[in-house]
N, C-alpha and C. Protein backbone atom coordinates (compact mmCIF):
# COMPACT_ATOMS: atom_id res chain seq x y z
N UNK A 1 0.94 -1.06 0.07
CA UNK A 1 0.02 -0.33 -0.17
C UNK A 1 0.86 0.46 -0.25
N UNK A 2 2.15 0.94 0.62
CA UNK A 2 3.09 2.31 0.84
C UNK A 2 3.94 2.43 -0.45
N UNK A 3 3.23 1.69 -1.51
CA UNK A 3 3.69 2.02 -2.96
C UNK A 3 3.31 3.67 -3.97
N UNK A 4 2.01 2.60 -3.52
CA UNK A 4 0.80 4.13 -4.03
C UNK A 4 1.50 5.63 -3.75
N UNK A 5 1.95 5.70 -2.54
CA UNK A 5 2.94 7.18 -2.04
C UNK A 5 3.89 7.07 -3.59
N UNK A 6 3.83 6.21 -4.17
CA UNK A 6 5.30 6.64 -4.66
C UNK A 6 5.10 6.32 -5.89
N UNK A 7 3.87 6.35 -5.95
CA UNK A 7 3.43 5.65 -7.84
C UNK A 7 2.91 7.07 -8.22
N UNK A 8 1.44 7.76 -7.94
CA UNK A 8 -0.07 8.28 -7.98
C UNK A 8 0.85 9.78 -8.07
N UNK A 9 2.06 10.38 -7.17
CA UNK A 9 3.11 10.99 -7.44
C UNK A 9 3.77 11.27 -8.78
N UNK A 10 4.38 9.56 -9.38
CA UNK A 10 5.28 9.50 -10.12
C UNK A 10 3.87 9.62 -11.66
N UNK A 11 2.80 8.95 -11.57
CA UNK A 11 2.11 9.11 -13.26
C UNK A 11 1.52 10.61 -12.76
N UNK A 12 1.98 10.95 -11.96
CA UNK A 12 0.58 12.78 -12.27
C UNK A 12 2.57 13.30 -12.59
N UNK A 13 3.21 12.90 -13.03
CA UNK A 13 4.75 14.28 -13.31
C UNK A 13 5.42 13.46 -15.03
N UNK A 14 4.68 11.87 -14.46
CA UNK A 14 4.66 11.68 -16.24
C UNK A 14 3.65 12.44 -16.86
N UNK A 15 2.57 12.47 -15.86
CA UNK A 15 1.43 13.13 -17.26
C UNK A 15 1.37 14.60 -17.63
N UNK A 16 2.30 14.92 -16.67
CA UNK A 16 2.48 16.70 -16.62
C UNK A 16 3.31 16.53 -18.02
N UNK A 17 4.62 15.57 -17.77
CA UNK A 17 5.80 15.68 -18.68
C UNK A 17 4.83 15.76 -20.60
N UNK A 18 3.98 14.80 -20.22
CA UNK A 18 3.57 13.85 -21.92
C UNK A 18 2.41 15.69 -22.63
N UNK A 19 1.95 16.36 -21.29
CA UNK A 19 0.86 17.10 -21.64
C UNK A 19 1.88 18.42 -22.10
N UNK A 20 2.74 18.37 -21.35
CA UNK A 20 3.99 19.68 -21.80
C UNK A 20 4.66 19.38 -23.59
N UNK A 21 5.30 18.05 -23.55
CA UNK A 21 5.71 17.99 -24.89
C UNK A 21 4.34 17.41 -26.14
N UNK A 22 3.63 17.85 -25.49
CA UNK A 22 2.22 17.82 -26.59
C UNK A 22 2.50 18.94 -26.80
N UNK A 23 2.26 19.94 -25.49
CA UNK A 23 1.38 20.90 -26.25
C UNK A 23 2.44 22.48 -26.83
N UNK A 24 4.32 21.74 -26.95
CA UNK A 24 5.36 21.89 -27.29
C UNK A 24 5.26 22.15 -28.65
N UNK A 25 4.92 20.57 -29.37
CA UNK A 25 4.91 20.45 -30.33
C UNK A 25 3.92 21.13 -31.04
N UNK A 26 3.20 20.65 -30.78
CA UNK A 26 1.56 21.65 -31.28
C UNK A 26 2.48 23.52 -31.81
N UNK A 27 2.57 23.83 -30.73
CA UNK A 27 3.23 25.50 -30.87
C UNK A 27 4.27 25.14 -31.56
N UNK A 28 5.23 24.01 -31.70
CA UNK A 28 6.32 24.45 -32.59
C UNK A 28 6.22 24.30 -34.58
N UNK A 29 4.72 24.10 -34.73
CA UNK A 29 4.59 23.95 -35.95
C UNK A 29 4.34 21.76 -36.07
N UNK A 30 4.31 21.34 -35.30
CA UNK A 30 5.08 20.17 -35.66
C UNK A 30 3.49 19.31 -36.47
N UNK A 31 2.58 19.82 -36.44
CA UNK A 31 0.99 19.80 -37.02
C UNK A 31 0.72 20.19 -38.13
N UNK A 32 1.52 21.40 -38.12
CA UNK A 32 0.96 22.17 -39.16
C UNK A 32 1.10 21.72 -40.71
N UNK A 33 1.71 20.99 -41.42
CA UNK A 33 1.70 20.70 -42.84
C UNK A 33 1.74 19.34 -42.24
N UNK A 34 0.73 18.10 -42.24
CA UNK A 34 1.31 16.90 -42.10
C UNK A 34 0.84 16.93 -43.55
N UNK A 35 0.49 17.29 -44.53
CA UNK A 35 0.69 15.82 -46.24
C UNK A 35 1.84 17.27 -47.06
N UNK A 36 2.05 17.41 -46.30
CA UNK A 36 3.00 18.43 -47.58
C UNK A 36 4.01 17.76 -47.38
N UNK A 37 4.71 17.33 -46.68
CA UNK A 37 6.14 16.45 -47.17
C UNK A 37 5.40 14.99 -47.90
N UNK A 38 4.65 14.61 -47.86
CA UNK A 38 4.05 13.05 -48.08
C UNK A 38 4.46 13.48 -49.69
N UNK A 39 3.57 14.93 -50.23
CA UNK A 39 3.90 15.14 -51.71
C UNK A 39 4.75 15.63 -52.74
N UNK A 40 5.18 16.41 -51.56
CA UNK A 40 7.31 16.89 -52.23
C UNK A 40 7.89 15.42 -51.88
N UNK A 41 7.16 14.10 -51.84
CA UNK A 41 8.18 13.21 -52.00
C UNK A 41 8.31 12.55 -53.78
N UNK A 42 6.90 13.24 -54.31
CA UNK A 42 6.34 12.66 -55.15
C UNK A 42 6.40 13.42 -55.94
N UNK A 43 7.35 14.72 -56.38
CA UNK A 43 7.30 15.88 -57.14
C UNK A 43 8.95 15.79 -57.50
N UNK A 44 8.92 15.32 -58.62
CA UNK A 44 10.07 15.79 -59.31
C UNK A 44 10.80 16.66 -59.51
N UNK A 45 9.82 16.73 -59.36
CA UNK A 45 10.65 18.59 -60.60
C UNK A 45 11.40 19.97 -60.30
N UNK A 46 11.77 19.52 -58.66
CA UNK A 46 13.02 20.78 -58.33
C UNK A 46 14.18 19.79 -57.97
N UNK A 47 14.58 18.35 -58.91
CA UNK A 47 15.27 18.04 -59.41
C UNK A 47 16.27 18.07 -60.52
N UNK A 48 17.35 18.81 -60.04
CA UNK A 48 18.05 19.29 -61.55
C UNK A 48 19.00 17.80 -61.12
N UNK A 49 18.94 17.62 -62.96
CA UNK A 49 20.21 16.22 -63.33
C UNK A 49 21.29 16.36 -63.19
N UNK A 50 21.57 15.48 -62.27
CA UNK A 50 23.03 15.39 -62.03
C UNK A 50 23.82 15.77 -62.74
N UNK A 51 24.44 15.99 -63.09
CA UNK A 51 25.71 15.57 -64.16
C UNK A 51 27.12 14.66 -64.11
N UNK A 52 27.11 13.46 -65.26
CA UNK A 52 27.29 11.93 -64.92
C UNK A 52 28.55 12.37 -65.09
N UNK A 53 29.38 11.78 -64.60
CA UNK A 53 31.06 11.13 -64.21
C UNK A 53 31.80 11.23 -65.71
N UNK A 54 30.95 10.53 -66.72
CA UNK A 54 32.47 10.91 -67.61
C UNK A 54 31.68 12.35 -69.01
N UNK A 55 30.79 13.01 -67.80
CA UNK A 55 30.99 14.47 -68.33
C UNK A 55 32.22 15.30 -68.01
N UNK A 56 32.60 15.12 -66.78
CA UNK A 56 34.35 15.67 -66.15
C UNK A 56 34.89 16.13 -67.03
N UNK A 57 34.88 17.65 -66.83
CA UNK A 57 36.37 17.50 -67.78
C UNK A 57 37.70 17.36 -67.47
N UNK A 58 38.31 16.54 -68.20
CA UNK A 58 40.07 15.76 -68.15
C UNK A 58 39.48 14.11 -67.84
N UNK A 59 38.87 14.28 -67.66
CA UNK A 59 38.10 12.58 -67.45
C UNK A 59 38.28 11.67 -68.37
N UNK A 60 38.91 10.83 -69.14
CA UNK A 60 38.75 9.88 -70.41
C UNK A 60 37.52 8.21 -69.88
N UNK A 61 37.42 8.55 -71.07
CA UNK A 61 36.10 7.04 -70.93
C UNK A 61 37.17 5.93 -70.59
N UNK A 62 36.83 5.03 -70.21
CA UNK A 62 37.21 3.97 -70.25
C UNK A 62 37.45 3.34 -71.64
N UNK A 63 38.23 2.41 -72.07
CA UNK A 63 37.72 1.27 -72.99
C UNK A 63 37.04 0.80 -73.30
N UNK A 64 36.37 0.33 -74.60
CA UNK A 64 34.88 -0.81 -73.94
C UNK A 64 35.92 -2.13 -74.51
N UNK A 65 35.48 -2.85 -73.45
CA UNK A 65 35.70 -4.37 -73.82
C UNK A 65 35.18 -5.74 -75.34
N UNK A 66 35.60 -6.05 -75.95
CA UNK A 66 35.24 -6.14 -77.20
C UNK A 66 35.86 -7.80 -77.23
């Protein structure tokens, strides 16, 4: 029975920490745009083509084996 004197305050403290973390995440904008990052993954318009390694100046292509 004496363990309740320890567990009840610990539960109240833990609940307070959880509520504080939830309110902090709302105020910092964690839930502002839930769908935007998922749509940005699917859009390739912003990606610039990477230069291939063969197009760098001063680099020779290896001969093709025949």
